[in-house]
Amino acid sequence: MAEKEGAIINKGHEEVGFVKNTGYIWVKQEKKIEHKFKMIGKLVSYDTEMSGYVEKRRIKNLKGVKGRELMLWLPAYEITVDDPLTGNVQIKSLAGITKTFPAEAFAAGQ
């Protein structure tokens, strides 16, 4: 299983980049990785190429990350971290579905 630090998988990265002026970020890795976040029982797939735009407490226009819901893989489009006092992370899919999870579900070791 891949090593991880929070919600970011840390194995096999070939390229990681960030454009400070626009907030654009990308990650290229050797192979697609699937990881199950035990606390929330969700399986997530990280493609070989991922990208998006980082803002304060948010990643938008996310590509390359999918979550398993029932029998379907739904692409995550936006991830928002609520005010730290609430401790929630909201994940929006292209299908219009928004799920809210506790932030600790994505902590290192989960």
PDB file of N, CA and C in Angstrom:
ATOM      1  N   MET A   1       0.850  -1.188   0.000  1.00  0.00           N
ATOM      2  CA  MET A   1       0.000   0.000   0.000  1.00  0.00           C
ATOM      3  C   MET A   1       0.890   1.244   0.000  1.00  0.00           C
ATOM      4  N   ALA A   2       0.424   2.255  -0.633  1.00  0.00           N
ATOM      5  CA  ALA A   2       1.186   3.504  -0.747  1.00  0.00           C
ATOM      6  C   ALA A   2       1.266   4.222   0.593  1.00  0.00           C
ATOM      7  N   GLU A   3       2.412   4.840   0.833  1.00  0.00           N
ATOM      8  CA  GLU A   3       2.526   5.710   1.996  1.00  0.00           C
ATOM      9  C   GLU A   3       1.702   6.952   1.728  1.00  0.00           C
ATOM     10  N   LYS A   4       1.191   7.572   2.775  1.00  0.00           N
ATOM     11  CA  LYS A   4       0.405   8.778   2.555  1.00  0.00           C
ATOM     12  C   LYS A   4       0.614   9.767   3.676  1.00  0.00           C
ATOM     13  N   GLU A   5       0.390  11.003   3.389  1.00  0.00           N
ATOM     14  CA  GLU A   5       0.437  12.088   4.361  1.00  0.00           C
ATOM     15  C   GLU A   5      -0.861  12.845   4.190  1.00  0.00           C
ATOM     16  N   GLY A   6      -1.848  12.529   5.017  1.00  0.00           N
ATOM     17  CA  GLY A   6      -3.159  13.145   4.854  1.00  0.00           C
ATOM     18  C   GLY A   6      -3.834  12.618   3.610  1.00  0.00           C
ATOM     19  N   ALA A   7      -4.470  13.499   2.863  1.00  0.00           N
ATOM     20  CA  ALA A   7      -5.211  13.086   1.674  1.00  0.00           C
ATOM     21  C   ALA A   7      -4.328  12.967   0.441  1.00  0.00           C
ATOM     22  N   ILE A   8      -3.034  13.234   0.555  1.00  0.00           N
ATOM     23  CA  ILE A   8      -2.136  13.180  -0.591  1.00  0.00           C
ATOM     24  C   ILE A   8      -1.286  11.915  -0.502  1.00  0.00           C
ATOM     25  N   ILE A   9      -1.324  11.122  -1.557  1.00  0.00           N
ATOM     26  CA  ILE A   9      -0.536   9.902  -1.610  1.00  0.00           C
ATOM     27  C   ILE A   9       0.918  10.266  -1.925  1.00  0.00           C
ATOM     28  N   ASN A  10       1.869   9.700  -1.177  1.00  0.00           N
ATOM     29  CA  ASN A  10       3.286  10.064  -1.323  1.00  0.00           C
ATOM     30  C   ASN A  10       4.130   8.914  -1.858  1.00  0.00           C
ATOM     31  N   LYS A  11       3.759   8.342  -2.990  1.00  0.00           N
ATOM     32  CA  LYS A  11       4.581   7.278  -3.544  1.00  0.00           C
ATOM     33  C   LYS A  11       4.555   7.359  -5.058  1.00  0.00           C
ATOM     34  N   GLY A  12       5.717   7.359  -5.657  1.00  0.00           N
ATOM     35  CA  GLY A  12       5.802   7.296  -7.100  1.00  0.00           C
ATOM     36  C   GLY A  12       5.566   8.607  -7.827  1.00  0.00           C
ATOM     37  N   HIS A  13       5.673   9.740  -7.140  1.00  0.00           N
ATOM     38  CA  HIS A  13       5.506  11.025  -7.825  1.00  0.00           C
ATOM     39  C   HIS A  13       6.649  11.234  -8.805  1.00  0.00           C
ATOM     40  N   GLU A  14       6.290  11.505 -10.051  1.00  0.00           N
ATOM     41  CA  GLU A  14       7.286  11.817 -11.067  1.00  0.00           C
ATOM     42  C   GLU A  14       7.471  13.321 -11.191  1.00  0.00           C
ATOM     43  N   GLU A  15       6.386  14.059 -10.932  1.00  0.00           N
ATOM     44  CA  GLU A  15       6.442  15.513 -11.092  1.00  0.00           C
ATOM     45  C   GLU A  15       5.364  16.149 -10.223  1.00  0.00           C
ATOM     46  N   VAL A  16       5.718  17.217  -9.549  1.00  0.00           N
ATOM     47  CA  VAL A  16       4.780  18.004  -8.752  1.00  0.00           C
ATOM     48  C   VAL A  16       5.076  19.462  -9.055  1.00  0.00           C
ATOM     49  N   GLY A  17       4.029  20.250  -9.317  1.00  0.00           N
ATOM     50  CA  GLY A  17       4.266  21.647  -9.627  1.00  0.00           C
ATOM     51  C   GLY A  17       3.195  22.560  -9.081  1.00  0.00           C
ATOM     52  N   PHE A  18       3.565  23.827  -8.910  1.00  0.00           N
ATOM     53  CA  PHE A  18       2.652  24.835  -8.389  1.00  0.00           C
ATOM     54  C   PHE A  18       3.000  26.173  -9.021  1.00  0.00           C
ATOM     55  N   VAL A  19       1.989  26.834  -9.590  1.00  0.00           N
ATOM     56  CA  VAL A  19       2.165  28.167 -10.166  1.00  0.00           C
ATOM     57  C   VAL A  19       1.577  29.155  -9.170  1.00  0.00           C
ATOM     58  N   LYS A  20       2.430  29.869  -8.467  1.00  0.00           N
ATOM     59  CA  LYS A  20       1.997  30.741  -7.370  1.00  0.00           C
ATOM     60  C   LYS A  20       1.009  31.819  -7.823  1.00  0.00           C
ATOM     61  N   ASN A  21       1.231  32.419  -8.989  1.00  0.00           N
ATOM     62  CA  ASN A  21       0.361  33.512  -9.461  1.00  0.00           C
ATOM     63  C   ASN A  21      -1.084  33.088  -9.685  1.00  0.00           C
ATOM     64  N   THR A  22      -1.290  31.854 -10.158  1.00  0.00           N
ATOM     65  CA  THR A  22      -2.647  31.396 -10.488  1.00  0.00           C
ATOM     66  C   THR A  22      -3.203  30.394  -9.491  1.00  0.00           C
ATOM     67  N   GLY A  23      -2.333  29.763  -8.701  1.00  0.00           N
ATOM     68  CA  GLY A  23      -2.770  28.724  -7.777  1.00  0.00           C
ATOM     69  C   GLY A  23      -2.866  27.352  -8.420  1.00  0.00           C
ATOM     70  N   TYR A  24      -2.463  27.242  -9.690  1.00  0.00           N
ATOM     71  CA  TYR A  24      -2.540  25.964 -10.401  1.00  0.00           C
ATOM     72  C   TYR A  24      -1.528  24.983  -9.818  1.00  0.00           C
ATOM     73  N   ILE A  25      -1.997  23.761  -9.559  1.00  0.00           N
ATOM     74  CA  ILE A  25      -1.142  22.715  -9.014  1.00  0.00           C
ATOM     75  C   ILE A  25      -1.347  21.448  -9.825  1.00  0.00           C
ATOM     76  N   TRP A  26      -0.274  20.655  -9.986  1.00  0.00           N
ATOM     77  CA  TRP A  26      -0.405  19.390 -10.680  1.00  0.00           C
ATOM     78  C   TRP A  26       0.526  18.363 -10.050  1.00  0.00           C
ATOM     79  N   VAL A  27       0.119  17.101 -10.200  1.00  0.00           N
ATOM     80  CA  VAL A  27       0.903  15.967  -9.713  1.00  0.00           C
ATOM     81  C   VAL A  27       0.851  14.893 -10.788  1.00  0.00           C
ATOM     82  N   LYS A  28       2.011  14.362 -11.147  1.00  0.00           N
ATOM     83  CA  LYS A  28       2.087  13.211 -12.047  1.00  0.00           C
ATOM     84  C   LYS A  28       2.764  12.097 -11.272  1.00  0.00           C
ATOM     85  N   GLN A  29       2.173  10.900 -11.359  1.00  0.00           N
ATOM     86  CA  GLN A  29       2.739   9.762 -10.652  1.00  0.00           C
ATOM     87  C   GLN A  29       2.814   8.559 -11.580  1.00  0.00           C
ATOM     88  N   GLU A  30       3.616   7.579 -11.198  1.00  0.00           N
ATOM     89  CA  GLU A  30       3.884   6.417 -12.037  1.00  0.00           C
ATOM     90  C   GLU A  30       2.630   5.625 -12.371  1.00  0.00           C
ATOM     91  N   LYS A  31       1.776   5.412 -11.376  1.00  0.00           N
ATOM     92  CA  LYS A  31       0.587   4.598 -11.611  1.00  0.00           C
ATOM     93  C   LYS A  31      -0.591   5.114 -10.798  1.00  0.00           C
ATOM     94  N   LYS A  32      -1.764   4.721 -11.230  1.00  0.00           N
ATOM     95  CA  LYS A  32      -3.002   5.054 -10.528  1.00  0.00           C
ATOM     96  C   LYS A  32      -2.975   4.361  -9.162  1.00  0.00           C
ATOM     97  N   ILE A  33      -3.459   5.069  -8.143  1.00  0.00           N
ATOM     98  CA  ILE A  33      -3.468   4.524  -6.784  1.00  0.00           C
ATOM     99  C   ILE A  33      -4.881   4.608  -6.218  1.00  0.00           C
ATOM    100  N   GLU A  34      -5.304   3.537  -5.545  1.00  0.00           N
ATOM    101  CA  GLU A  34      -6.577   3.547  -4.822  1.00  0.00           C
ATOM    102  C   GLU A  34      -6.270   3.460  -3.333  1.00  0.00           C
ATOM    103  N   HIS A  35      -7.025   4.220  -2.555  1.00  0.00           N
ATOM    104  CA  HIS A  35      -6.830   4.224  -1.105  1.00  0.00           C
ATOM    105  C   HIS A  35      -8.186   4.289  -0.413  1.00  0.00           C
ATOM    106  N   LYS A  36      -8.353   3.486   0.639  1.00  0.00           N
ATOM    107  CA  LYS A  36      -9.587   3.521   1.423  1.00  0.00           C
ATOM    108  C   LYS A  36      -9.333   4.306   2.706  1.00  0.00           C
ATOM    109  N   PHE A  37     -10.128   5.375   2.895  1.00  0.00           N
ATOM    110  CA  PHE A  37     -10.075   6.149   4.129  1.00  0.00           C
ATOM    111  C   PHE A  37     -10.951   5.419   5.145  1.00  0.00           C
ATOM    112  N   LYS A  38     -10.302   4.748   6.076  1.00  0.00           N
ATOM    113  CA  LYS A  38     -10.979   3.839   7.001  1.00  0.00           C
ATOM    114  C   LYS A  38     -12.052   4.509   7.853  1.00  0.00           C
ATOM    115  N   MET A  39     -11.761   5.699   8.360  1.00  0.00           N
ATOM    116  CA  MET A  39     -12.691   6.366   9.274  1.00  0.00           C
ATOM    117  C   MET A  39     -14.058   6.623   8.633  1.00  0.00           C
ATOM    118  N   ILE A  40     -14.070   6.899   7.333  1.00  0.00           N
ATOM    119  CA  ILE A  40     -15.333   7.198   6.646  1.00  0.00           C
ATOM    120  C   ILE A  40     -15.741   6.090   5.679  1.00  0.00           C
ATOM    121  N   GLY A  41     -14.902   5.067   5.545  1.00  0.00           N
ATOM    122  CA  GLY A  41     -15.221   3.934   4.689  1.00  0.00           C
ATOM    123  C   GLY A  41     -15.325   4.269   3.211  1.00  0.00           C
ATOM    124  N   LYS A  42     -14.533   5.222   2.739  1.00  0.00           N
ATOM    125  CA  LYS A  42     -14.604   5.661   1.337  1.00  0.00           C
ATOM    126  C   LYS A  42     -13.340   5.279   0.583  1.00  0.00           C
ATOM    127  N   LEU A  43     -13.550   4.735  -0.621  1.00  0.00           N
ATOM    128  CA  LEU A  43     -12.458   4.391  -1.510  1.00  0.00           C
ATOM    129  C   LEU A  43     -12.243   5.539  -2.481  1.00  0.00           C
ATOM    130  N   VAL A  44     -10.980   5.980  -2.618  1.00  0.00           N
ATOM    131  CA  VAL A  44     -10.632   7.100  -3.497  1.00  0.00           C
ATOM    132  C   VAL A  44      -9.587   6.624  -4.494  1.00  0.00           C
ATOM    133  N   SER A  45      -9.730   7.061  -5.740  1.00  0.00           N
ATOM    134  CA  SER A  45      -8.801   6.731  -6.807  1.00  0.00           C
ATOM    135  C   SER A  45      -8.048   7.988  -7.227  1.00  0.00           C
ATOM    136  N   TYR A  46      -6.710   7.888  -7.261  1.00  0.00           N
ATOM    137  CA  TYR A  46      -5.849   8.984  -7.700  1.00  0.00           C
ATOM    138  C   TYR A  46      -5.255   8.580  -9.046  1.00  0.00           C
ATOM    139  N   ASP A  47      -5.626   9.264 -10.136  1.00  0.00           N
ATOM    140  CA  ASP A  47      -5.121   8.958 -11.471  1.00  0.00           C
ATOM    141  C   ASP A  47      -3.632   9.265 -11.575  1.00  0.00           C
ATOM    142  N   THR A  48      -3.040   8.909 -12.705  1.00  0.00           N
ATOM    143  CA  THR A  48      -1.618   9.176 -12.917  1.00  0.00           C
ATOM    144  C   THR A  48      -1.338  10.665 -13.058  1.00  0.00           C
ATOM    145  N   GLU A  49      -2.361  11.440 -13.446  1.00  0.00           N
ATOM    146  CA  GLU A  49      -2.219  12.897 -13.531  1.00  0.00           C
ATOM    147  C   GLU A  49      -3.374  13.560 -12.791  1.00  0.00           C
ATOM    148  N   MET A  50      -3.044  14.468 -11.875  1.00  0.00           N
ATOM    149  CA  MET A  50      -4.047  15.216 -11.119  1.00  0.00           C
ATOM    150  C   MET A  50      -3.714  16.694 -11.212  1.00  0.00           C
ATOM    151  N   SER A  51      -4.757  17.527 -11.215  1.00  0.00           N
ATOM    152  CA  SER A  51      -4.519  18.972 -11.276  1.00  0.00           C
ATOM    153  C   SER A  51      -5.713  19.720 -10.706  1.00  0.00           C
ATOM    154  N   GLY A  52      -5.507  20.996 -10.418  1.00  0.00           N
ATOM    155  CA  GLY A  52      -6.569  21.849  -9.908  1.00  0.00           C
ATOM    156  C   GLY A  52      -6.007  23.212  -9.543  1.00  0.00           C
ATOM    157  N   TYR A  53      -6.874  24.048  -8.991  1.00  0.00           N
ATOM    158  CA  TYR A  53      -6.494  25.398  -8.577  1.00  0.00           C
ATOM    159  C   TYR A  53      -6.691  25.523  -7.075  1.00  0.00           C
ATOM    160  N   VAL A  54      -5.637  25.898  -6.377  1.00  0.00           N
ATOM    161  CA  VAL A  54      -5.657  26.014  -4.926  1.00  0.00           C
ATOM    162  C   VAL A  54      -5.962  27.451  -4.536  1.00  0.00           C
ATOM    163  N   GLU A  55      -6.918  27.600  -3.620  1.00  0.00           N
ATOM    164  CA  GLU A  55      -7.245  28.885  -3.002  1.00  0.00           C
ATOM    165  C   GLU A  55      -7.250  28.655  -1.495  1.00  0.00           C
ATOM    166  N   LYS A  56      -7.500  29.678  -0.733  1.00  0.00           N
ATOM    167  CA  LYS A  56      -7.573  29.528   0.716  1.00  0.00           C
ATOM    168  C   LYS A  56      -8.707  28.563   1.069  1.00  0.00           C
ATOM    169  N   ARG A  57      -8.354  27.465   1.713  1.00  0.00           N
ATOM    170  CA  ARG A  57      -9.291  26.431   2.158  1.00  0.00           C
ATOM    171  C   ARG A  57     -10.070  25.762   1.025  1.00  0.00           C
ATOM    172  N   ARG A  58      -9.555  25.807  -0.221  1.00  0.00           N
ATOM    173  CA  ARG A  58     -10.321  25.214  -1.320  1.00  0.00           C
ATOM    174  C   ARG A  58      -9.412  24.796  -2.473  1.00  0.00           C
ATOM    175  N   ILE A  59      -9.782  23.677  -3.101  1.00  0.00           N
ATOM    176  CA  ILE A  59      -9.212  23.269  -4.382  1.00  0.00           C
ATOM    177  C   ILE A  59     -10.388  23.192  -5.342  1.00  0.00           C
ATOM    178  N   LYS A  60     -10.309  23.899  -6.474  1.00  0.00           N
ATOM    179  CA  LYS A  60     -11.408  23.881  -7.439  1.00  0.00           C
ATOM    180  C   LYS A  60     -10.900  23.378  -8.786  1.00  0.00           C
ATOM    181  N   ASN A  61     -11.833  23.043  -9.662  1.00  0.00           N
ATOM    182  CA  ASN A  61     -11.512  22.482 -10.981  1.00  0.00           C
ATOM    183  C   ASN A  61     -10.565  21.289 -10.858  1.00  0.00           C
ATOM    184  N   LEU A  62     -10.801  20.480  -9.851  1.00  0.00           N
ATOM    185  CA  LEU A  62      -9.965  19.319  -9.579  1.00  0.00           C
ATOM    186  C   LEU A  62     -10.175  18.262 -10.657  1.00  0.00           C
ATOM    187  N   LYS A  63      -9.086  17.679 -11.110  1.00  0.00           N
ATOM    188  CA  LYS A  63      -9.136  16.599 -12.098  1.00  0.00           C
ATOM    189  C   LYS A  63      -8.230  15.478 -11.624  1.00  0.00           C
ATOM    190  N   GLY A  64      -8.655  14.237 -11.876  1.00  0.00           N
ATOM    191  CA  GLY A  64      -7.823  13.084 -11.571  1.00  0.00           C
ATOM    192  C   GLY A  64      -8.075  12.428 -10.235  1.00  0.00           C
ATOM    193  N   VAL A  65      -9.102  12.862  -9.498  1.00  0.00           N
ATOM    194  CA  VAL A  65      -9.443  12.263  -8.208  1.00  0.00           C
ATOM    195  C   VAL A  65     -10.912  11.847  -8.254  1.00  0.00           C
ATOM    196  N   LYS A  66     -11.177  10.561  -7.931  1.00  0.00           N
ATOM    197  CA  LYS A  66     -12.547  10.044  -7.961  1.00  0.00           C
ATOM    198  C   LYS A  66     -12.847   9.325  -6.657  1.00  0.00           C
ATOM    199  N   GLY A  67     -14.104   9.393  -6.242  1.00  0.00           N
ATOM    200  CA  GLY A  67     -14.554   8.682  -5.058  1.00  0.00           C
ATOM    201  C   GLY A  67     -15.594   7.650  -5.436  1.00  0.00           C
ATOM    202  N   ARG A  68     -15.584   6.531  -4.738  1.00  0.00           N
ATOM    203  CA  ARG A  68     -16.530   5.447  -5.031  1.00  0.00           C
ATOM    204  C   ARG A  68     -17.800   5.665  -4.228  1.00  0.00           C
ATOM    205  N   GLU A  69     -18.929   5.727  -4.915  1.00  0.00           N
ATOM    206  CA  GLU A  69     -20.255   5.820  -4.292  1.00  0.00           C
ATOM    207  C   GLU A  69     -21.105   4.693  -4.854  1.00  0.00           C
ATOM    208  N   LEU A  70     -21.464   3.757  -4.001  1.00  0.00           N
ATOM    209  CA  LEU A  70     -22.191   2.559  -4.416  1.00  0.00           C
ATOM    210  C   LEU A  70     -21.397   1.858  -5.512  1.00  0.00           C
ATOM    211  N   MET A  71     -21.903   1.814  -6.733  1.00  0.00           N
ATOM    212  CA  MET A  71     -21.229   1.106  -7.830  1.00  0.00           C
ATOM    213  C   MET A  71     -20.536   2.060  -8.797  1.00  0.00           C
ATOM    214  N   LEU A  72     -20.533   3.355  -8.511  1.00  0.00           N
ATOM    215  CA  LEU A  72     -20.017   4.350  -9.445  1.00  0.00           C
ATOM    216  C   LEU A  72     -18.768   5.048  -8.912  1.00  0.00           C
ATOM    217  N   TRP A  73     -17.888   5.429  -9.838  1.00  0.00           N
ATOM    218  CA  TRP A  73     -16.754   6.287  -9.517  1.00  0.00           C
ATOM    219  C   TRP A  73     -17.141   7.701  -9.905  1.00  0.00           C
ATOM    220  N   LEU A  74     -17.264   8.595  -8.931  1.00  0.00           N
ATOM    221  CA  LEU A  74     -17.649   9.982  -9.188  1.00  0.00           C
ATOM    222  C   LEU A  74     -16.429  10.894  -9.085  1.00  0.00           C
ATOM    223  N   PRO A  75     -16.146  11.666 -10.141  1.00  0.00           N
ATOM    224  CA  PRO A  75     -15.014  12.593 -10.088  1.00  0.00           C
ATOM    225  C   PRO A  75     -15.249  13.700  -9.060  1.00  0.00           C
ATOM    226  N   ALA A  76     -14.255  13.935  -8.219  1.00  0.00           N
ATOM    227  CA  ALA A  76     -14.311  15.069  -7.292  1.00  0.00           C
ATOM    228  C   ALA A  76     -13.956  16.318  -8.088  1.00  0.00           C
ATOM    229  N   TYR A  77     -14.743  17.369  -7.937  1.00  0.00           N
ATOM    230  CA  TYR A  77     -14.540  18.597  -8.696  1.00  0.00           C
ATOM    231  C   TYR A  77     -14.009  19.730  -7.811  1.00  0.00           C
ATOM    232  N   GLU A  78     -14.434  19.711  -6.553  1.00  0.00           N
ATOM    233  CA  GLU A  78     -14.030  20.777  -5.635  1.00  0.00           C
ATOM    234  C   GLU A  78     -13.946  20.224  -4.218  1.00  0.00           C
ATOM    235  N   ILE A  79     -12.920  20.642  -3.491  1.00  0.00           N
ATOM    236  CA  ILE A  79     -12.754  20.258  -2.090  1.00  0.00           C
ATOM    237  C   ILE A  79     -12.629  21.538  -1.283  1.00  0.00           C
ATOM    238  N   THR A  80     -13.478  21.670  -0.264  1.00  0.00           N
ATOM    239  CA  THR A  80     -13.478  22.860   0.579  1.00  0.00           C
ATOM    240  C   THR A  80     -13.299  22.443   2.032  1.00  0.00           C
ATOM    241  N   VAL A  81     -12.392  23.109   2.730  1.00  0.00           N
ATOM    242  CA  VAL A  81     -12.202  22.882   4.158  1.00  0.00           C
ATOM    243  C   VAL A  81     -12.917  24.010   4.876  1.00  0.00           C
ATOM    244  N   ASP A  82     -13.915  23.646   5.697  1.00  0.00           N
ATOM    245  CA  ASP A  82     -14.659  24.653   6.453  1.00  0.00           C
ATOM    246  C   ASP A  82     -13.748  25.349   7.450  1.00  0.00           C
ATOM    247  N   ASP A  83     -14.274  26.387   8.041  1.00  0.00           N
ATOM    248  CA  ASP A  83     -13.576  27.073   9.119  1.00  0.00           C
ATOM    249  C   ASP A  83     -13.061  26.007  10.083  1.00  0.00           C
ATOM    250  N   PRO A  84     -11.816  26.120  10.531  1.00  0.00           N
ATOM    251  CA  PRO A  84     -11.241  25.091  11.394  1.00  0.00           C
ATOM    252  C   PRO A  84     -12.085  24.739  12.620  1.00  0.00           C
ATOM    253  N   LEU A  85     -12.930  25.633  13.071  1.00  0.00           N
ATOM    254  CA  LEU A  85     -13.754  25.335  14.247  1.00  0.00           C
ATOM    255  C   LEU A  85     -14.765  24.228  13.979  1.00  0.00           C
ATOM    256  N   THR A  86     -15.269  24.123  12.752  1.00  0.00           N
ATOM    257  CA  THR A  86     -16.244  23.075  12.444  1.00  0.00           C
ATOM    258  C   THR A  86     -15.561  21.753  12.153  1.00  0.00           C
ATOM    259  N   GLY A  87     -14.353  21.801  11.612  1.00  0.00           N
ATOM    260  CA  GLY A  87     -13.612  20.579  11.350  1.00  0.00           C
ATOM    261  C   GLY A  87     -14.178  19.720  10.244  1.00  0.00           C
ATOM    262  N   ASN A  88     -14.825  20.307   9.249  1.00  0.00           N
ATOM    263  CA  ASN A  88     -15.419  19.538   8.159  1.00  0.00           C
ATOM    264  C   ASN A  88     -14.739  19.802   6.827  1.00  0.00           C
ATOM    265  N   VAL A  89     -14.779  18.795   5.967  1.00  0.00           N
ATOM    266  CA  VAL A  89     -14.307  18.896   4.594  1.00  0.00           C
ATOM    267  C   VAL A  89     -15.489  18.569   3.697  1.00  0.00           C
ATOM    268  N   GLN A  90     -15.773  19.436   2.731  1.00  0.00           N
ATOM    269  CA  GLN A  90     -16.855  19.194   1.771  1.00  0.00           C
ATOM    270  C   GLN A  90     -16.237  18.847   0.428  1.00  0.00           C
ATOM    271  N   ILE A  91     -16.756  17.778  -0.180  1.00  0.00           N
ATOM    272  CA  ILE A  91     -16.277  17.346  -1.488  1.00  0.00           C
ATOM    273  C   ILE A  91     -17.451  17.374  -2.447  1.00  0.00           C
ATOM    274  N   LYS A  92     -17.295  18.130  -3.537  1.00  0.00           N
ATOM    275  CA  LYS A  92     -18.340  18.246  -4.557  1.00  0.00           C
ATOM    276  C   LYS A  92     -17.927  17.450  -5.781  1.00  0.00           C
ATOM    277  N   SER A  93     -18.903  16.737  -6.355  1.00  0.00           N
ATOM    278  CA  SER A  93     -18.630  15.980  -7.574  1.00  0.00           C
ATOM    279  C   SER A  93     -19.230  16.689  -8.774  1.00  0.00           C
ATOM    280  N   LEU A  94     -18.788  16.288  -9.960  1.00  0.00           N
ATOM    281  CA  LEU A  94     -19.345  16.840 -11.193  1.00  0.00           C
ATOM    282  C   LEU A  94     -20.818  16.485 -11.344  1.00  0.00           C
ATOM    283  N   ALA A  95     -21.264  15.434 -10.659  1.00  0.00           N
ATOM    284  CA  ALA A  95     -22.660  15.009 -10.729  1.00  0.00           C
ATOM    285  C   ALA A  95     -23.568  15.880  -9.860  1.00  0.00           C
ATOM    286  N   GLY A  96     -22.992  16.861  -9.152  1.00  0.00           N
ATOM    287  CA  GLY A  96     -23.788  17.743  -8.310  1.00  0.00           C
ATOM    288  C   GLY A  96     -23.980  17.240  -6.893  1.00  0.00           C
ATOM    289  N   ILE A  97     -23.323  16.161  -6.553  1.00  0.00           N
ATOM    290  CA  ILE A  97     -23.429  15.591  -5.210  1.00  0.00           C
ATOM    291  C   ILE A  97     -22.350  16.209  -4.324  1.00  0.00           C
ATOM    292  N   THR A  98     -22.749  16.667  -3.135  1.00  0.00           N
ATOM    293  CA  THR A  98     -21.805  17.212  -2.158  1.00  0.00           C
ATOM    294  C   THR A  98     -21.851  16.346  -0.911  1.00  0.00           C
ATOM    295  N   LYS A  99     -20.695  15.916  -0.451  1.00  0.00           N
ATOM    296  CA  LYS A  99     -20.586  15.117   0.768  1.00  0.00           C
ATOM    297  C   LYS A  99     -19.727  15.874   1.771  1.00  0.00           C
ATOM    298  N   THR A 100     -20.084  15.775   3.040  1.00  0.00           N
ATOM    299  CA  THR A 100     -19.332  16.420   4.109  1.00  0.00           C
ATOM    300  C   THR A 100     -18.748  15.344   5.018  1.00  0.00           C
ATOM    301  N   PHE A 101     -17.462  15.480   5.325  1.00  0.00           N
ATOM    302  CA  PHE A 101     -16.760  14.512   6.161  1.00  0.00           C
ATOM    303  C   PHE A 101     -15.964  15.249   7.232  1.00  0.00           C
ATOM    304  N   PRO A 102     -15.683  14.576   8.358  1.00  0.00           N
ATOM    305  CA  PRO A 102     -14.824  15.201   9.369  1.00  0.00           C
ATOM    306  C   PRO A 102     -13.391  15.292   8.847  1.00  0.00           C
ATOM    307  N   ALA A 103     -12.729  16.401   9.097  1.00  0.00           N
ATOM    308  CA  ALA A 103     -11.369  16.622   8.599  1.00  0.00           C
ATOM    309  C   ALA A 103     -10.399  15.550   9.091  1.00  0.00           C
ATOM    310  N   GLU A 104     -10.604  15.050  10.297  1.00  0.00           N
ATOM    311  CA  GLU A 104      -9.673  14.054  10.833  1.00  0.00           C
ATOM    312  C   GLU A 104      -9.683  12.754  10.031  1.00  0.00           C
ATOM    313  N   ALA A 105     -10.716  12.529   9.218  1.00  0.00           N
ATOM    314  CA  ALA A 105     -10.766  11.334   8.368  1.00  0.00           C
ATOM    315  C   ALA A 105      -9.655  11.338   7.325  1.00  0.00           C
ATOM    316  N   PHE A 106      -9.089  12.517   7.031  1.00  0.00           N
ATOM    317  CA  PHE A 106      -8.050  12.646   6.011  1.00  0.00           C
ATOM    318  C   PHE A 106      -6.667  12.891   6.613  1.00  0.00           C
ATOM    319  N   ALA A 107      -6.552  12.754   7.927  1.00  0.00           N
ATOM    320  CA  ALA A 107      -5.271  12.971   8.603  1.00  0.00           C
ATOM    321  C   ALA A 107      -4.300  11.842   8.280  1.00  0.00           C
ATOM    322  N   ALA A 108      -3.021  12.099   8.455  1.00  0.00           N
ATOM    323  CA  ALA A 108      -1.991  11.083   8.221  1.00  0.00           C
ATOM    324  C   ALA A 108      -2.309   9.826   9.019  1.00  0.00           C
ATOM    325  N   GLY A 109      -2.142   8.678   8.397  1.00  0.00           N
ATOM    326  CA  GLY A 109      -2.392   7.410   9.063  1.00  0.00           C
ATOM    327  C   GLY A 109      -3.798   6.887   8.895  1.00  0.00           C
ATOM    328  N   GLN A 110      -4.676   7.639   8.295  1.00  0.00           N
ATOM    329  CA  GLN A 110      -6.045   7.189   8.071  1.00  0.00           C
ATOM    330  C   GLN A 110      -6.110   6.498   6.741  1.00  0.00           C
TER     331      GLN A 110
END
